[in-house]
Amino acid sequence: MRQEQVLACIREWIYEHGEGPTVREIGDRVGLSSTSSVQYQLKRLEQQGAISRSGSRWRSYRLT
């Protein structure tokens, strides 16, 4: 499932870099070339409670 790939990417990126990846960085890692597709997946994960944002930027999200 694409959302599982995105979540795994976020988890690994935070572990490696100490902060969340950008939308483009997520897309590169999971094979999505469209940033709107990545944003859609991020919004779905946020609605499900898997991630949360502390600001308006996607890089500000955290795993819940």
PDB file of N, CA and C in Angstrom:
ATOM      1  N   MET A   1       0.850  -1.177   0.000  1.00  0.00           N
ATOM      2  CA  MET A   1       0.000   0.000   0.000  1.00  0.00           C
ATOM      3  C   MET A   1       0.898   1.244   0.000  1.00  0.00           C
ATOM      4  N   ARG A   2       0.513   2.221  -0.779  1.00  0.00           N
ATOM      5  CA  ARG A   2       1.313   3.439  -0.941  1.00  0.00           C
ATOM      6  C   ARG A   2       1.473   4.202   0.383  1.00  0.00           C
ATOM      7  N   GLN A   3       0.431   4.267   1.185  1.00  0.00           N
ATOM      8  CA  GLN A   3       0.525   4.987   2.453  1.00  0.00           C
ATOM      9  C   GLN A   3       1.539   4.341   3.389  1.00  0.00           C
ATOM     10  N   GLU A   4       1.632   3.029   3.366  1.00  0.00           N
ATOM     11  CA  GLU A   4       2.625   2.341   4.190  1.00  0.00           C
ATOM     12  C   GLU A   4       4.031   2.692   3.730  1.00  0.00           C
ATOM     13  N   GLN A   5       4.230   2.810   2.412  1.00  0.00           N
ATOM     14  CA  GLN A   5       5.534   3.199   1.882  1.00  0.00           C
ATOM     15  C   GLN A   5       5.889   4.621   2.312  1.00  0.00           C
ATOM     16  N   VAL A   6       4.916   5.516   2.247  1.00  0.00           N
ATOM     17  CA  VAL A   6       5.152   6.906   2.646  1.00  0.00           C
ATOM     18  C   VAL A   6       5.477   6.969   4.130  1.00  0.00           C
ATOM     19  N   LEU A   7       4.736   6.247   4.943  1.00  0.00           N
ATOM     20  CA  LEU A   7       4.981   6.242   6.384  1.00  0.00           C
ATOM     21  C   LEU A   7       6.357   5.672   6.709  1.00  0.00           C
ATOM     22  N   ALA A   8       6.734   4.607   6.043  1.00  0.00           N
ATOM     23  CA  ALA A   8       8.066   4.024   6.247  1.00  0.00           C
ATOM     24  C   ALA A   8       9.154   5.006   5.822  1.00  0.00           C
ATOM     25  N   CYS A   9       8.935   5.713   4.736  1.00  0.00           N
ATOM     26  CA  CYS A   9       9.883   6.717   4.266  1.00  0.00           C
ATOM     27  C   CYS A   9      10.058   7.815   5.310  1.00  0.00           C
ATOM     28  N   ILE A  10       8.956   8.291   5.856  1.00  0.00           N
ATOM     29  CA  ILE A  10       9.018   9.338   6.877  1.00  0.00           C
ATOM     30  C   ILE A  10       9.787   8.847   8.094  1.00  0.00           C
ATOM     31  N   ARG A  11       9.456   7.651   8.540  1.00  0.00           N
ATOM     32  CA  ARG A  11      10.117   7.068   9.715  1.00  0.00           C
ATOM     33  C   ARG A  11      11.628   6.976   9.503  1.00  0.00           C
ATOM     34  N   GLU A  12      12.036   6.452   8.348  1.00  0.00           N
ATOM     35  CA  GLU A  12      13.464   6.302   8.046  1.00  0.00           C
ATOM     36  C   GLU A  12      14.156   7.656   7.923  1.00  0.00           C
ATOM     37  N   TRP A  13      13.492   8.610   7.269  1.00  0.00           N
ATOM     38  CA  TRP A  13      14.097   9.929   7.060  1.00  0.00           C
ATOM     39  C   TRP A  13      14.316  10.644   8.396  1.00  0.00           C
ATOM     40  N   ILE A  14      13.319  10.586   9.270  1.00  0.00           N
ATOM     41  CA  ILE A  14      13.452  11.220  10.585  1.00  0.00           C
ATOM     42  C   ILE A  14      14.591  10.574  11.360  1.00  0.00           C
ATOM     43  N   TYR A  15      14.700   9.253  11.269  1.00  0.00           N
ATOM     44  CA  TYR A  15      15.789   8.546  11.948  1.00  0.00           C
ATOM     45  C   TYR A  15      17.142   8.998  11.404  1.00  0.00           C
ATOM     46  N   GLU A  16      17.251   9.150  10.090  1.00  0.00           N
ATOM     47  CA  GLU A  16      18.516   9.515   9.457  1.00  0.00           C
ATOM     48  C   GLU A  16      18.866  10.996   9.591  1.00  0.00           C
ATOM     49  N   HIS A  17      17.851  11.871   9.530  1.00  0.00           N
ATOM     50  CA  HIS A  17      18.106  13.307   9.441  1.00  0.00           C
ATOM     51  C   HIS A  17      17.587  14.133  10.617  1.00  0.00           C
ATOM     52  N   GLY A  18      16.784  13.558  11.472  1.00  0.00           N
ATOM     53  CA  GLY A  18      16.290  14.276  12.639  1.00  0.00           C
ATOM     54  C   GLY A  18      15.111  15.192  12.374  1.00  0.00           C
ATOM     55  N   GLU A  19      14.597  15.222  11.167  1.00  0.00           N
ATOM     56  CA  GLU A  19      13.415  16.005  10.822  1.00  0.00           C
ATOM     57  C   GLU A  19      12.703  15.327   9.673  1.00  0.00           C
ATOM     58  N   GLY A  20      11.478  15.738   9.420  1.00  0.00           N
ATOM     59  CA  GLY A  20      10.706  15.128   8.354  1.00  0.00           C
ATOM     60  C   GLY A  20      11.217  15.509   6.980  1.00  0.00           C
ATOM     61  N   PRO A  21      11.003  14.639   5.996  1.00  0.00           N
ATOM     62  CA  PRO A  21      11.409  14.940   4.622  1.00  0.00           C
ATOM     63  C   PRO A  21      10.443  15.918   3.956  1.00  0.00           C
ATOM     64  N   THR A  22      10.886  16.533   2.881  1.00  0.00           N
ATOM     65  CA  THR A  22      10.005  17.382   2.090  1.00  0.00           C
ATOM     66  C   THR A  22       9.108  16.498   1.231  1.00  0.00           C
ATOM     67  N   VAL A  23       8.113  17.107   0.642  1.00  0.00           N
ATOM     68  CA  VAL A  23       7.210  16.380  -0.247  1.00  0.00           C
ATOM     69  C   VAL A  23       8.000  15.774  -1.404  1.00  0.00           C
ATOM     70  N   ARG A  24       8.913  16.516  -1.981  1.00  0.00           N
ATOM     71  CA  ARG A  24       9.718  16.015  -3.099  1.00  0.00           C
ATOM     72  C   ARG A  24      10.624  14.859  -2.666  1.00  0.00           C
ATOM     73  N   GLU A  25      11.194  14.957  -1.478  1.00  0.00           N
ATOM     74  CA  GLU A  25      12.060  13.885  -0.982  1.00  0.00           C
ATOM     75  C   GLU A  25      11.271  12.598  -0.778  1.00  0.00           C
ATOM     76  N   ILE A  26      10.052  12.723  -0.282  1.00  0.00           N
ATOM     77  CA  ILE A  26       9.193  11.548  -0.131  1.00  0.00           C
ATOM     78  C   ILE A  26       8.885  10.955  -1.504  1.00  0.00           C
ATOM     79  N   GLY A  27       8.503  11.808  -2.442  1.00  0.00           N
ATOM     80  CA  GLY A  27       8.186  11.347  -3.788  1.00  0.00           C
ATOM     81  C   GLY A  27       9.342  10.613  -4.430  1.00  0.00           C
ATOM     82  N   ASP A  28      10.552  11.140  -4.257  1.00  0.00           N
ATOM     83  CA  ASP A  28      11.735  10.488  -4.826  1.00  0.00           C
ATOM     84  C   ASP A  28      11.933   9.098  -4.237  1.00  0.00           C
ATOM     85  N   ARG A  29      11.729   8.971  -2.947  1.00  0.00           N
ATOM     86  CA  ARG A  29      11.973   7.686  -2.282  1.00  0.00           C
ATOM     87  C   ARG A  29      10.917   6.627  -2.574  1.00  0.00           C
ATOM     88  N   VAL A  30       9.672   7.062  -2.744  1.00  0.00           N
ATOM     89  CA  VAL A  30       8.605   6.070  -2.942  1.00  0.00           C
ATOM     90  C   VAL A  30       8.156   5.956  -4.397  1.00  0.00           C
ATOM     91  N   GLY A  31       8.766   6.730  -5.279  1.00  0.00           N
ATOM     92  CA  GLY A  31       8.465   6.609  -6.695  1.00  0.00           C
ATOM     93  C   GLY A  31       7.256   7.381  -7.177  1.00  0.00           C
ATOM     94  N   LEU A  32       6.909   8.465  -6.502  1.00  0.00           N
ATOM     95  CA  LEU A  32       5.818   9.326  -6.948  1.00  0.00           C
ATOM     96  C   LEU A  32       6.417  10.607  -7.518  1.00  0.00           C
ATOM     97  N   SER A  33       6.180  10.872  -8.790  1.00  0.00           N
ATOM     98  CA  SER A  33       6.764  12.060  -9.404  1.00  0.00           C
ATOM     99  C   SER A  33       5.911  13.304  -9.186  1.00  0.00           C
ATOM    100  N   SER A  34       4.649  13.125  -8.879  1.00  0.00           N
ATOM    101  CA  SER A  34       3.733  14.239  -8.675  1.00  0.00           C
ATOM    102  C   SER A  34       3.690  14.627  -7.198  1.00  0.00           C
ATOM    103  N   THR A  35       3.982  15.899  -6.908  1.00  0.00           N
ATOM    104  CA  THR A  35       3.930  16.352  -5.517  1.00  0.00           C
ATOM    105  C   THR A  35       2.495  16.339  -4.990  1.00  0.00           C
ATOM    106  N   SER A  36       1.520  16.525  -5.866  1.00  0.00           N
ATOM    107  CA  SER A  36       0.128  16.481  -5.405  1.00  0.00           C
ATOM    108  C   SER A  36      -0.254  15.076  -4.964  1.00  0.00           C
ATOM    109  N   SER A  37       0.318  14.053  -5.592  1.00  0.00           N
ATOM    110  CA  SER A  37       0.064  12.670  -5.166  1.00  0.00           C
ATOM    111  C   SER A  37       0.645  12.422  -3.782  1.00  0.00           C
ATOM    112  N   VAL A  38       1.839  12.957  -3.531  1.00  0.00           N
ATOM    113  CA  VAL A  38       2.462  12.816  -2.215  1.00  0.00           C
ATOM    114  C   VAL A  38       1.625  13.555  -1.176  1.00  0.00           C
ATOM    115  N   GLN A  39       1.199  14.773  -1.496  1.00  0.00           N
ATOM    116  CA  GLN A  39       0.385  15.546  -0.555  1.00  0.00           C
ATOM    117  C   GLN A  39      -0.921  14.836  -0.246  1.00  0.00           C
ATOM    118  N   TYR A  40      -1.507  14.204  -1.244  1.00  0.00           N
ATOM    119  CA  TYR A  40      -2.730  13.435  -1.027  1.00  0.00           C
ATOM    120  C   TYR A  40      -2.483  12.320  -0.016  1.00  0.00           C
ATOM    121  N   GLN A  41      -1.393  11.590  -0.188  1.00  0.00           N
ATOM    122  CA  GLN A  41      -1.072  10.499   0.737  1.00  0.00           C
ATOM    123  C   GLN A  41      -0.810  11.044   2.143  1.00  0.00           C
ATOM    124  N   LEU A  42      -0.120  12.180   2.235  1.00  0.00           N
ATOM    125  CA  LEU A  42       0.158  12.782   3.542  1.00  0.00           C
ATOM    126  C   LEU A  42      -1.132  13.221   4.221  1.00  0.00           C
ATOM    127  N   LYS A  43      -2.048  13.813   3.464  1.00  0.00           N
ATOM    128  CA  LYS A  43      -3.326  14.232   4.040  1.00  0.00           C
ATOM    129  C   LYS A  43      -4.116  13.033   4.549  1.00  0.00           C
ATOM    130  N   ARG A  44      -4.090  11.945   3.785  1.00  0.00           N
ATOM    131  CA  ARG A  44      -4.784  10.724   4.221  1.00  0.00           C
ATOM    132  C   ARG A  44      -4.182  10.192   5.525  1.00  0.00           C
ATOM    133  N   LEU A  45      -2.851  10.161   5.603  1.00  0.00           N
ATOM    134  CA  LEU A  45      -2.187   9.695   6.824  1.00  0.00           C
ATOM    135  C   LEU A  45      -2.505  10.609   7.998  1.00  0.00           C
ATOM    136  N   GLU A  46      -2.602  11.908   7.733  1.00  0.00           N
ATOM    137  CA  GLU A  46      -2.945  12.863   8.790  1.00  0.00           C
ATOM    138  C   GLU A  46      -4.378  12.636   9.269  1.00  0.00           C
ATOM    139  N   GLN A  47      -5.298  12.401   8.339  1.00  0.00           N
ATOM    140  CA  GLN A  47      -6.698  12.128   8.695  1.00  0.00           C
ATOM    141  C   GLN A  47      -6.832  10.849   9.517  1.00  0.00           C
ATOM    142  N   GLN A  48      -5.974   9.873   9.232  1.00  0.00           N
ATOM    143  CA  GLN A  48      -6.010   8.599   9.960  1.00  0.00           C
ATOM    144  C   GLN A  48      -5.319   8.693  11.317  1.00  0.00           C
ATOM    145  N   GLY A  49      -4.609   9.804  11.564  1.00  0.00           N
ATOM    146  CA  GLY A  49      -3.925   9.984  12.836  1.00  0.00           C
ATOM    147  C   GLY A  49      -2.532   9.379  12.882  1.00  0.00           C
ATOM    148  N   ALA A  50      -1.998   8.960  11.749  1.00  0.00           N
ATOM    149  CA  ALA A  50      -0.663   8.347  11.710  1.00  0.00           C
ATOM    150  C   ALA A  50       0.437   9.395  11.795  1.00  0.00           C
ATOM    151  N   ILE A  51       0.159  10.601  11.289  1.00  0.00           N
ATOM    152  CA  ILE A  51       1.108  11.706  11.374  1.00  0.00           C
ATOM    153  C   ILE A  51       0.358  12.956  11.798  1.00  0.00           C
ATOM    154  N   SER A  52       1.094  13.935  12.288  1.00  0.00           N
ATOM    155  CA  SER A  52       0.495  15.228  12.617  1.00  0.00           C
ATOM    156  C   SER A  52       1.478  16.327  12.265  1.00  0.00           C
ATOM    157  N   ARG A  53       0.954  17.515  11.991  1.00  0.00           N
ATOM    158  CA  ARG A  53       1.791  18.658  11.655  1.00  0.00           C
ATOM    159  C   ARG A  53       1.730  19.680  12.772  1.00  0.00           C
ATOM    160  N   SER A  54       2.872  20.310  13.059  1.00  0.00           N
ATOM    161  CA  SER A  54       2.890  21.366  14.063  1.00  0.00           C
ATOM    162  C   SER A  54       2.774  22.737  13.403  1.00  0.00           C
ATOM    163  N   GLY A  55       2.874  22.784  12.089  1.00  0.00           N
ATOM    164  CA  GLY A  55       2.758  24.028  11.337  1.00  0.00           C
ATOM    165  C   GLY A  55       2.071  23.764  10.019  1.00  0.00           C
ATOM    166  N   SER A  56       2.143  24.736   9.126  1.00  0.00           N
ATOM    167  CA  SER A  56       1.480  24.567   7.837  1.00  0.00           C
ATOM    168  C   SER A  56       2.357  23.828   6.829  1.00  0.00           C
ATOM    169  N   ARG A  57       3.659  23.766   7.075  1.00  0.00           N
ATOM    170  CA  ARG A  57       4.566  23.084   6.147  1.00  0.00           C
ATOM    171  C   ARG A  57       4.555  21.577   6.414  1.00  0.00           C
ATOM    172  N   TRP A  58       4.706  20.792   5.345  1.00  0.00           N
ATOM    173  CA  TRP A  58       4.706  19.338   5.514  1.00  0.00           C
ATOM    174  C   TRP A  58       5.955  18.851   6.240  1.00  0.00           C
ATOM    175  N   ARG A  59       7.047  19.564   6.141  1.00  0.00           N
ATOM    176  CA  ARG A  59       8.275  19.133   6.837  1.00  0.00           C
ATOM    177  C   ARG A  59       8.075  19.156   8.356  1.00  0.00           C
ATOM    178  N   SER A  60       7.075  19.867   8.827  1.00  0.00           N
ATOM    179  CA  SER A  60       6.856  19.987  10.277  1.00  0.00           C
ATOM    180  C   SER A  60       6.058  18.826  10.864  1.00  0.00           C
ATOM    181  N   TYR A  61       5.767  17.792  10.076  1.00  0.00           N
ATOM    182  CA  TYR A  61       4.982  16.694  10.613  1.00  0.00           C
ATOM    183  C   TYR A  61       5.806  15.753  11.463  1.00  0.00           C
ATOM    184  N   ARG A  62       5.113  15.029  12.306  1.00  0.00           N
ATOM    185  CA  ARG A  62       5.725  14.060  13.207  1.00  0.00           C
ATOM    186  C   ARG A  62       4.871  12.802  13.193  1.00  0.00           C
ATOM    187  N   LEU A  63       5.508  11.710  13.508  1.00  0.00           N
ATOM    188  CA  LEU A  63       4.778  10.444  13.636  1.00  0.00           C
ATOM    189  C   LEU A  63       4.021  10.461  14.942  1.00  0.00           C
ATOM    190  N   THR A  64       2.806   9.907  14.946  1.00  0.00           N
ATOM    191  CA  THR A  64       2.031   9.878  16.193  1.00  0.00           C
ATOM    192  C   THR A  64       1.957   8.470  16.730  1.00  0.00           C
TER     193      THR A  64
END
